[in-house]
Every structure is written in C-alpha cells, then in structure tokens.
Amino acid sequence: MEAANRGASDVGAPTIGFNITLPHEQVPNPYITPELSFRFHYFAMRKMHLAMRANALAIFPGGFGTLDEMFELLTLQQTRKAPPAPIVLFGESYWRRIINFEALVEEGMISVSDLGLVEFAETAEDGWASLKRRGLASNSVSSVS
C-alpha cells in the first residue's frame, strides 16, 4: 500500500511495511519508515503480525493476497480471537461484485450480525468517518503495506 505509506509520510507520520519475500515482486516502497520495514518469508507469519498490530483495516480492491488477509482478519473478529477493529472496504461495487455477502447469510455460512464487521466507503472522508465512528482512535493510526 504505497499510497497509504506516502500519505502518512507526507504529513510526517511514521509508517510500517510488512513485506513478503517473493521471486518476482514486493520490494519495500520508499515511504516506509526505515526502522519499521519488516520482511517476512512466510505469508502466515506476515498475517499474524498484521492481525496482532492492526487497529483498523482499510481494504482497497485487490487480488488473492488482499482477499486472504481480509478473510483472515474477518474470521479472527467473527470468532472473537482478535479484538474488534473497524474494517472498511473501499469501492462497494467492486466488493459486492466479487463477494455476495448476503448469499453467505442466506446459506447459513455467516450470521446477519457478521455483516456488521465491515462497512463500505467510496472516498477517503467516508472511510475515515467509518473508522472513527466504529472506534478508531486518532492517535492509533499508522499505515501498513
């Protein structure tokens, strides 16, 4: 999430990078605070550290890695294995196109209350308002990529 790291860096805030060693991509972006740049060999270890430290999650359209991390954190919150943290999905039409949340409820795979684990946002202002409304404290904000 280079954009998130850059935004935080531009206002002088520290940013953290949880990178993964891959054969063809994923180098740390230049906006990560150098002493907060971590490189993981295994996805599971990266996700564990992400889940342990996340105060909130802003998720933008992505592929398998994005879905993997999103579902990991949703499952941890659903089962109360992680403390509550607001999750905002940016781009509602994208998310509703690739995940039929209501069908999961209809099929009995999740409860209707699980739908409250996420909110949708279209703009940064809407996303920030959702995070704040759902419990994010301003002094706990950092960026993870």
Protein backbone atom coordinates (compact mmCIF):
# COMPACT_ATOMS: atom_id res chain seq x y z
CA MET A 1 0.00 0.00 0.00
CA GLU A 2 2.48 2.54 -1.20
CA ALA A 3 -0.22 5.21 -1.43
CA ALA A 4 -1.09 4.85 2.27
CA ASN A 5 2.59 4.95 3.25
CA ARG A 6 3.14 8.01 1.08
CA GLY A 7 0.16 9.86 2.54
CA ALA A 8 1.35 9.21 6.08
CA SER A 9 4.94 10.08 5.18
CA ASP A 10 3.84 13.35 3.55
CA VAL A 11 2.41 14.55 6.88
CA GLY A 12 5.41 13.34 8.90
CA ALA A 13 3.77 10.25 10.42
CA PRO A 14 5.74 7.01 10.79
CA THR A 15 4.68 4.17 8.52
CA ILE A 16 5.26 0.47 8.76
CA GLY A 17 5.83 -2.02 5.98
CA PHE A 18 5.16 -5.75 6.29
CA ASN A 19 6.72 -7.06 3.11
CA ILE A 20 6.92 -10.61 1.87
CA THR A 21 9.81 -12.23 0.03
CA LEU A 22 8.53 -13.22 -3.42
CA PRO A 23 10.50 -14.20 -6.52
CA HIS A 24 9.05 -11.52 -8.82
CA GLU A 25 7.68 -8.59 -6.84
CA GLN A 26 7.13 -6.89 -3.48
CA VAL A 27 10.03 -4.63 -2.67
CA PRO A 28 9.64 -2.16 0.20
CA ASN A 29 8.34 1.18 -1.01
CA PRO A 30 10.39 4.33 -0.35
CA TYR A 31 7.79 5.84 2.03
CA ILE A 32 8.17 3.24 4.77
CA THR A 33 9.97 4.45 7.89
CA PRO A 34 13.27 2.54 7.53
CA GLU A 35 13.34 1.11 11.05
CA LEU A 36 9.72 -0.05 10.58
CA SER A 37 10.29 -2.03 7.38
CA PHE A 38 9.90 -5.75 8.02
CA ARG A 39 10.37 -8.58 5.54
CA PHE A 40 8.68 -11.95 6.03
CA HIS A 41 9.38 -15.23 4.31
CA TYR A 42 6.02 -16.86 5.10
CA PHE A 43 2.59 -15.38 4.47
CA ALA A 44 1.28 -16.88 7.71
CA MET A 45 3.84 -15.01 9.81
CA ARG A 46 3.11 -11.75 7.98
CA LYS A 47 -0.63 -12.14 8.55
CA MET A 48 -0.13 -12.99 12.22
CA HIS A 49 1.91 -9.82 12.80
CA LEU A 50 -0.59 -7.76 10.81
CA ALA A 51 -3.51 -9.15 12.83
CA MET A 52 -1.72 -8.58 16.13
CA ARG A 53 -0.99 -4.92 15.40
CA ALA A 54 -3.94 -3.69 13.34
CA ASN A 55 -6.19 -1.11 15.00
CA ALA A 56 -8.28 -0.84 11.83
CA LEU A 57 -8.21 -2.06 8.28
CA ALA A 58 -8.87 -0.09 5.10
CA ILE A 59 -9.08 -2.52 2.20
CA PHE A 60 -8.94 -1.50 -1.43
CA PRO A 61 -9.74 -3.70 -4.44
CA GLY A 62 -7.13 -6.40 -4.86
CA GLY A 63 -6.48 -10.00 -5.68
CA PHE A 64 -5.88 -13.22 -3.81
CA GLY A 65 -3.47 -11.70 -1.27
CA THR A 66 -5.92 -8.94 -0.39
CA LEU A 67 -8.78 -11.44 -0.05
CA ASP A 68 -6.62 -13.75 2.06
CA GLU A 69 -5.70 -11.02 4.54
CA MET A 70 -9.23 -9.63 4.63
CA PHE A 71 -10.85 -13.00 5.34
CA GLU A 72 -8.19 -13.85 7.93
CA LEU A 73 -8.97 -10.69 9.90
CA LEU A 74 -12.73 -11.06 9.43
CA THR A 75 -12.57 -14.63 10.70
CA LEU A 76 -10.48 -13.62 13.72
CA GLN A 77 -13.01 -10.94 14.59
CA GLN A 78 -16.03 -13.16 13.87
CA THR A 79 -14.69 -15.81 16.24
CA ARG A 80 -13.51 -13.21 18.77
CA LYS A 81 -9.91 -14.45 18.53
CA ALA A 82 -8.85 -10.86 17.81
CA PRO A 83 -10.06 -7.63 19.41
CA PRO A 84 -12.64 -5.64 17.47
CA ALA A 85 -11.14 -3.34 14.84
CA PRO A 86 -13.13 -1.43 12.24
CA ILE A 87 -12.82 -2.73 8.67
CA VAL A 88 -13.71 -0.53 5.71
CA LEU A 89 -13.93 -1.83 2.16
CA PHE A 90 -13.32 0.87 -0.45
CA GLY A 91 -15.30 0.59 -3.65
CA GLU A 92 -18.61 -1.04 -2.74
CA SER A 93 -19.48 -2.05 -6.30
CA TYR A 94 -16.20 -3.98 -6.60
CA TRP A 95 -16.65 -5.85 -3.34
CA ARG A 96 -20.32 -6.67 -3.93
CA ARG A 97 -19.44 -7.94 -7.41
CA ILE A 98 -16.81 -10.41 -6.19
CA ILE A 99 -18.32 -11.39 -2.80
CA ASN A 100 -22.00 -11.99 -2.30
CA PHE A 101 -22.17 -11.31 1.43
CA GLU A 102 -25.95 -11.69 1.53
CA ALA A 103 -25.73 -15.15 -0.08
CA LEU A 104 -23.39 -16.21 2.72
CA VAL A 105 -26.09 -15.22 5.20
CA GLU A 106 -28.87 -16.88 3.15
CA GLU A 107 -26.88 -20.12 3.01
CA GLY A 108 -26.25 -20.03 6.76
CA MET A 109 -22.48 -19.69 6.36
CA ILE A 110 -22.31 -16.45 8.35
CA SER A 111 -24.83 -14.72 10.58
CA VAL A 112 -26.55 -11.49 9.68
CA SER A 113 -24.61 -9.83 12.52
CA ASP A 114 -21.35 -10.73 10.75
CA LEU A 115 -22.29 -8.25 8.02
CA GLY A 116 -21.61 -5.54 10.62
CA LEU A 117 -17.92 -6.44 10.65
CA VAL A 118 -17.42 -4.34 7.51
CA GLU A 119 -18.62 -1.05 6.11
CA PHE A 120 -18.20 0.29 2.60
CA ALA A 121 -16.73 3.64 1.58
CA GLU A 122 -16.16 5.44 -1.68
CA THR A 123 -13.99 8.34 -0.50
CA ALA A 124 -11.20 8.84 1.99
CA GLU A 125 -13.51 11.10 4.01
CA ASP A 126 -16.22 8.41 4.15
CA GLY A 127 -13.66 5.77 5.11
CA TRP A 128 -12.19 7.93 7.86
CA ALA A 129 -15.67 8.72 9.21
CA SER A 130 -16.49 4.99 9.29
CA LEU A 131 -13.26 4.14 11.12
CA LYS A 132 -13.79 6.90 13.69
CA ARG A 133 -17.49 6.08 14.18
CA ARG A 134 -16.61 2.44 14.79
CA GLY A 135 -13.94 3.09 17.38
CA LEU A 136 -10.60 4.01 15.81
CA ALA A 137 -8.69 6.48 17.98
CA SER A 138 -6.80 9.15 16.02
CA ASN A 139 -3.60 8.55 17.98
CA SER A 140 -3.52 4.86 16.94
CA VAL A 141 -3.25 5.43 13.21
CA SER A 142 -0.38 4.11 11.14
CA SER A 143 -0.09 2.67 7.69
CA VAL A 144 0.75 -0.93 6.86
CA SER A 145 1.73 -2.13 3.42
